């Protein structure tokens, strides 16, 4: 079956090549590179809807918020039509994620945040944690000093 031109965001008019190169440079798995912006937006939606009562580990949470950072970079390099195709989905998922989480200190730690240039306003996902983390994640957040910081 042949795809129609423009039927898949970030694969039309050569715009997908720059997105694919960016994703590869970030070490993204092949299935996400193949799925492009639409697959990443779909995965971000799934993460956002499960964020409030997150039962996984801190490493899992870090991987999940890293996806949002990769998605932001991919959007930055994508063509305008490709960005427009996923923008409303990402905006909705961002709103769901923000409602399901609370602000905290830098998830990767202050040293990594400083060395990697994480910006609280621009990369807000690196500074949020689930409202109701599972027991293991809560313990990891507490150990990292991130559990109580949302009451600023």
C-alpha atoms as a PDB file:
ATOM      1  CA  UNK A   1       0.000   0.000   0.000  1.00  0.00           C
ATOM      2  CA  UNK A   2       1.387   3.416  -0.965  1.00  0.00           C
ATOM      3  CA  UNK A   3       1.065   6.417   1.333  1.00  0.00           C
ATOM      4  CA  UNK A   4      -0.332   9.597  -0.098  1.00  0.00           C
ATOM      5  CA  UNK A   5       2.105  12.533  -0.050  1.00  0.00           C
ATOM      6  CA  UNK A   6       1.589  14.506   3.129  1.00  0.00           C
ATOM      7  CA  UNK A   7      -0.528  11.734   4.672  1.00  0.00           C
ATOM      8  CA  UNK A   8       2.030  11.167   7.408  1.00  0.00           C
ATOM      9  CA  UNK A   9       3.285  14.248   9.251  1.00  0.00           C
ATOM     10  CA  UNK A  10       7.029  14.864   8.876  1.00  0.00           C
ATOM     11  CA  UNK A  11       7.456  12.637   5.822  1.00  0.00           C
ATOM     12  CA  UNK A  12       6.294  15.035   3.134  1.00  0.00           C
ATOM     13  CA  UNK A  13       8.290  17.430   0.976  1.00  0.00           C
ATOM     14  CA  UNK A  14      11.597  16.234   2.407  1.00  0.00           C
ATOM     15  CA  UNK A  15      10.750  17.684   5.822  1.00  0.00           C
ATOM     16  CA  UNK A  16      10.955  14.248   7.367  1.00  0.00           C
ATOM     17  CA  UNK A  17      14.601  13.865   6.464  1.00  0.00           C
ATOM     18  CA  UNK A  18      15.668  16.606   8.849  1.00  0.00           C
ATOM     19  CA  UNK A  19      13.382  15.216  11.573  1.00  0.00           C
ATOM     20  CA  UNK A  20      14.732  11.700  11.014  1.00  0.00           C
ATOM     21  CA  UNK A  21      18.325  12.981  11.227  1.00  0.00           C
ATOM     22  CA  UNK A  22      17.535  14.871  14.412  1.00  0.00           C
ATOM     23  CA  UNK A  23      15.873  11.826  15.996  1.00  0.00           C
ATOM     24  CA  UNK A  24      18.808   9.623  15.018  1.00  0.00           C
ATOM     25  CA  UNK A  25      21.229  12.153  16.529  1.00  0.00           C
ATOM     26  CA  UNK A  26      19.330  11.880  19.833  1.00  0.00           C
ATOM     27  CA  UNK A  27      19.633   8.077  19.784  1.00  0.00           C
ATOM     28  CA  UNK A  28      15.915   7.484  19.326  1.00  0.00           C
ATOM     29  CA  UNK A  29      14.739   3.932  18.643  1.00  0.00           C
ATOM     30  CA  UNK A  30      14.117   3.028  15.015  1.00  0.00           C
ATOM     31  CA  UNK A  31      10.370   2.548  15.429  1.00  0.00           C
ATOM     32  CA  UNK A  32      10.047   6.125  16.714  1.00  0.00           C
ATOM     33  CA  UNK A  33      12.194   7.445  13.892  1.00  0.00           C
ATOM     34  CA  UNK A  34       9.969   5.589  11.432  1.00  0.00           C
ATOM     35  CA  UNK A  35       6.807   6.847  13.148  1.00  0.00           C
ATOM     36  CA  UNK A  36       8.051  10.420  13.204  1.00  0.00           C
ATOM     37  CA  UNK A  37       6.290  13.290  14.889  1.00  0.00           C
ATOM     38  CA  UNK A  38       2.877  11.645  14.903  1.00  0.00           C
ATOM     39  CA  UNK A  39       4.149   8.530  16.717  1.00  0.00           C
ATOM     40  CA  UNK A  40       6.044  10.626  19.240  1.00  0.00           C
ATOM     41  CA  UNK A  41       2.994  12.832  19.840  1.00  0.00           C
ATOM     42  CA  UNK A  42       0.905   9.712  20.367  1.00  0.00           C
ATOM     43  CA  UNK A  43       3.394   8.323  22.887  1.00  0.00           C
ATOM     44  CA  UNK A  44       3.505  11.660  24.704  1.00  0.00           C
ATOM     45  CA  UNK A  45      -0.290  11.560  24.951  1.00  0.00           C
ATOM     46  CA  UNK A  46      -0.104   8.098  26.555  1.00  0.00           C
ATOM     47  CA  UNK A  47       2.526   9.310  29.023  1.00  0.00           C
ATOM     48  CA  UNK A  48       0.491  12.394  29.900  1.00  0.00           C
ATOM     49  CA  UNK A  49      -2.660  10.404  30.583  1.00  0.00           C
ATOM     50  CA  UNK A  50      -0.830   8.006  32.912  1.00  0.00           C
ATOM     51  CA  UNK A  51       1.297  10.625  34.694  1.00  0.00           C
ATOM     52  CA  UNK A  52      -0.856  11.455  37.723  1.00  0.00           C
ATOM     53  CA  UNK A  53      -0.663   7.997  39.303  1.00  0.00           C
ATOM     54  CA  UNK A  54       2.684   6.818  37.996  1.00  0.00           C
ATOM     55  CA  UNK A  55       3.620   3.350  39.250  1.00  0.00           C
ATOM     56  CA  UNK A  56       7.010   2.988  37.607  1.00  0.00           C
ATOM     57  CA  UNK A  57      10.532   4.010  38.653  1.00  0.00           C
ATOM     58  CA  UNK A  58      12.424   7.287  38.504  1.00  0.00           C
ATOM     59  CA  UNK A  59      14.451   5.938  35.565  1.00  0.00           C
ATOM     60  CA  UNK A  60      11.201   5.248  33.722  1.00  0.00           C
ATOM     61  CA  UNK A  61       9.936   8.745  34.531  1.00  0.00           C
ATOM     62  CA  UNK A  62      13.189  10.283  33.284  1.00  0.00           C
ATOM     63  CA  UNK A  63      12.884   8.320  30.037  1.00  0.00           C
ATOM     64  CA  UNK A  64       9.293   9.478  29.625  1.00  0.00           C
ATOM     65  CA  UNK A  65      10.063  13.166  30.131  1.00  0.00           C
ATOM     66  CA  UNK A  66      13.097  12.805  27.873  1.00  0.00           C
ATOM     67  CA  UNK A  67      10.659  11.860  25.098  1.00  0.00           C
ATOM     68  CA  UNK A  68       9.005  15.268  25.517  1.00  0.00           C
ATOM     69  CA  UNK A  69      12.380  16.969  25.145  1.00  0.00           C
ATOM     70  CA  UNK A  70      13.158  14.968  22.014  1.00  0.00           C
ATOM     71  CA  UNK A  71       9.711  15.841  20.674  1.00  0.00           C
ATOM     72  CA  UNK A  72      10.397  19.544  21.295  1.00  0.00           C
ATOM     73  CA  UNK A  73      13.645  19.322  19.342  1.00  0.00           C
ATOM     74  CA  UNK A  74      11.966  17.456  16.501  1.00  0.00           C
ATOM     75  CA  UNK A  75       9.254  20.103  16.309  1.00  0.00           C
ATOM     76  CA  UNK A  76      11.936  22.794  16.155  1.00  0.00           C
ATOM     77  CA  UNK A  77      13.493  21.258  13.030  1.00  0.00           C
ATOM     78  CA  UNK A  78      10.263  20.116  11.348  1.00  0.00           C
ATOM     79  CA  UNK A  79       8.573  21.984   8.539  1.00  0.00           C
ATOM     80  CA  UNK A  80       5.663  24.263   9.415  1.00  0.00           C
ATOM     81  CA  UNK A  81       3.032  21.914   7.905  1.00  0.00           C
ATOM     82  CA  UNK A  82       4.464  19.011   9.901  1.00  0.00           C
ATOM     83  CA  UNK A  83       4.459  21.045  13.115  1.00  0.00           C
ATOM     84  CA  UNK A  84       0.891  22.148  12.483  1.00  0.00           C
ATOM     85  CA  UNK A  85      -0.210  18.530  11.991  1.00  0.00           C
ATOM     86  CA  UNK A  86       0.723  17.594  15.578  1.00  0.00           C
ATOM     87  CA  UNK A  87       0.603  20.907  17.454  1.00  0.00           C
ATOM     88  CA  UNK A  88      -2.941  20.637  18.854  1.00  0.00           C
ATOM     89  CA  UNK A  89      -2.358  17.043  19.985  1.00  0.00           C
ATOM     90  CA  UNK A  90       0.860  18.027  21.766  1.00  0.00           C
ATOM     91  CA  UNK A  91      -0.758  21.079  23.337  1.00  0.00           C
ATOM     92  CA  UNK A  92      -3.612  18.936  24.707  1.00  0.00           C
ATOM     93  CA  UNK A  93      -1.160  16.343  26.028  1.00  0.00           C
ATOM     94  CA  UNK A  94       0.962  19.067  27.630  1.00  0.00           C
ATOM     95  CA  UNK A  95      -2.112  20.419  29.420  1.00  0.00           C
ATOM     96  CA  UNK A  96      -3.028  16.935  30.662  1.00  0.00           C
ATOM     97  CA  UNK A  97       0.558  16.348  31.805  1.00  0.00           C
ATOM     98  CA  UNK A  98       0.732  19.667  33.667  1.00  0.00           C
ATOM     99  CA  UNK A  99      -2.580  18.927  35.417  1.00  0.00           C
ATOM    100  CA  UNK A 100      -1.348  15.448  36.427  1.00  0.00           C
ATOM    101  CA  UNK A 101       1.996  16.620  37.804  1.00  0.00           C
ATOM    102  CA  UNK A 102       3.478  19.134  40.210  1.00  0.00           C
ATOM    103  CA  UNK A 103       6.502  21.357  39.923  1.00  0.00           C
ATOM    104  CA  UNK A 104       9.666  20.072  41.556  1.00  0.00           C
ATOM    105  CA  UNK A 105      13.411  20.571  41.446  1.00  0.00           C
ATOM    106  CA  UNK A 106      15.407  19.462  38.411  1.00  0.00           C
ATOM    107  CA  UNK A 107      14.677  15.774  37.845  1.00  0.00           C
ATOM    108  CA  UNK A 108      18.170  15.064  36.571  1.00  0.00           C
ATOM    109  CA  UNK A 109      19.710  16.929  39.501  1.00  0.00           C
ATOM    110  CA  UNK A 110      21.073  20.459  39.680  1.00  0.00           C
ATOM    111  CA  UNK A 111      24.484  19.605  38.205  1.00  0.00           C
ATOM    112  CA  UNK A 112      23.053  17.921  35.102  1.00  0.00           C
ATOM    113  CA  UNK A 113      20.426  20.633  34.677  1.00  0.00           C
ATOM    114  CA  UNK A 114      23.148  23.272  34.772  1.00  0.00           C
ATOM    115  CA  UNK A 115      25.572  21.450  32.466  1.00  0.00           C
ATOM    116  CA  UNK A 116      22.843  20.519  29.952  1.00  0.00           C
ATOM    117  CA  UNK A 117      21.238  23.953  30.137  1.00  0.00           C
ATOM    118  CA  UNK A 118      17.793  22.772  31.237  1.00  0.00           C
ATOM    119  CA  UNK A 119      15.566  25.813  31.413  1.00  0.00           C
ATOM    120  CA  UNK A 120      12.603  25.677  33.816  1.00  0.00           C
ATOM    121  CA  UNK A 121      10.420  27.833  31.546  1.00  0.00           C
ATOM    122  CA  UNK A 122      11.364  26.345  28.188  1.00  0.00           C
ATOM    123  CA  UNK A 123      11.868  22.716  29.280  1.00  0.00           C
ATOM    124  CA  UNK A 124       9.288  22.621  32.050  1.00  0.00           C
ATOM    125  CA  UNK A 125       8.880  18.807  31.753  1.00  0.00           C
ATOM    126  CA  UNK A 126      12.295  18.353  33.407  1.00  0.00           C
ATOM    127  CA  UNK A 127      10.914  20.075  36.515  1.00  0.00           C
ATOM    128  CA  UNK A 128       7.677  18.133  37.106  1.00  0.00           C
ATOM    129  CA  UNK A 129       6.796  14.928  38.900  1.00  0.00           C
ATOM    130  CA  UNK A 130       3.566  12.919  39.267  1.00  0.00           C
ATOM    131  CA  UNK A 131       1.032  14.201  41.783  1.00  0.00           C
ATOM    132  CA  UNK A 132       0.651  10.670  43.132  1.00  0.00           C
ATOM    133  CA  UNK A 133       3.824   8.654  42.521  1.00  0.00           C
ATOM    134  CA  UNK A 134       3.800   4.945  43.287  1.00  0.00           C
ATOM    135  CA  UNK A 135       5.672   3.717  46.353  1.00  0.00           C
ATOM    136  CA  UNK A 136       8.971   3.013  44.585  1.00  0.00           C
ATOM    137  CA  UNK A 137       9.003   6.303  42.698  1.00  0.00           C
ATOM    138  CA  UNK A 138       7.983   8.199  45.838  1.00  0.00           C
ATOM    139  CA  UNK A 139      10.935   6.705  47.707  1.00  0.00           C
ATOM    140  CA  UNK A 140      13.322   7.553  44.855  1.00  0.00           C
ATOM    141  CA  UNK A 141      11.972  11.110  44.663  1.00  0.00           C
ATOM    142  CA  UNK A 142      12.306  11.478  48.429  1.00  0.00           C
ATOM    143  CA  UNK A 143      15.904  10.221  48.314  1.00  0.00           C
ATOM    144  CA  UNK A 144      16.648  12.705  45.516  1.00  0.00           C
ATOM    145  CA  UNK A 145      15.060  15.515  47.544  1.00  0.00           C
ATOM    146  CA  UNK A 146      12.293  16.015  44.999  1.00  0.00           C
ATOM    147  CA  UNK A 147       9.174  14.861  46.798  1.00  0.00           C
ATOM    148  CA  UNK A 148       8.432  17.901  48.950  1.00  0.00           C
ATOM    149  CA  UNK A 149       9.615  20.666  46.624  1.00  0.00           C
ATOM    150  CA  UNK A 150       6.255  21.198  44.913  1.00  0.00           C
ATOM    151  CA  UNK A 151       5.000  23.420  47.752  1.00  0.00           C
ATOM    152  CA  UNK A 152       7.051  26.479  46.728  1.00  0.00           C
END
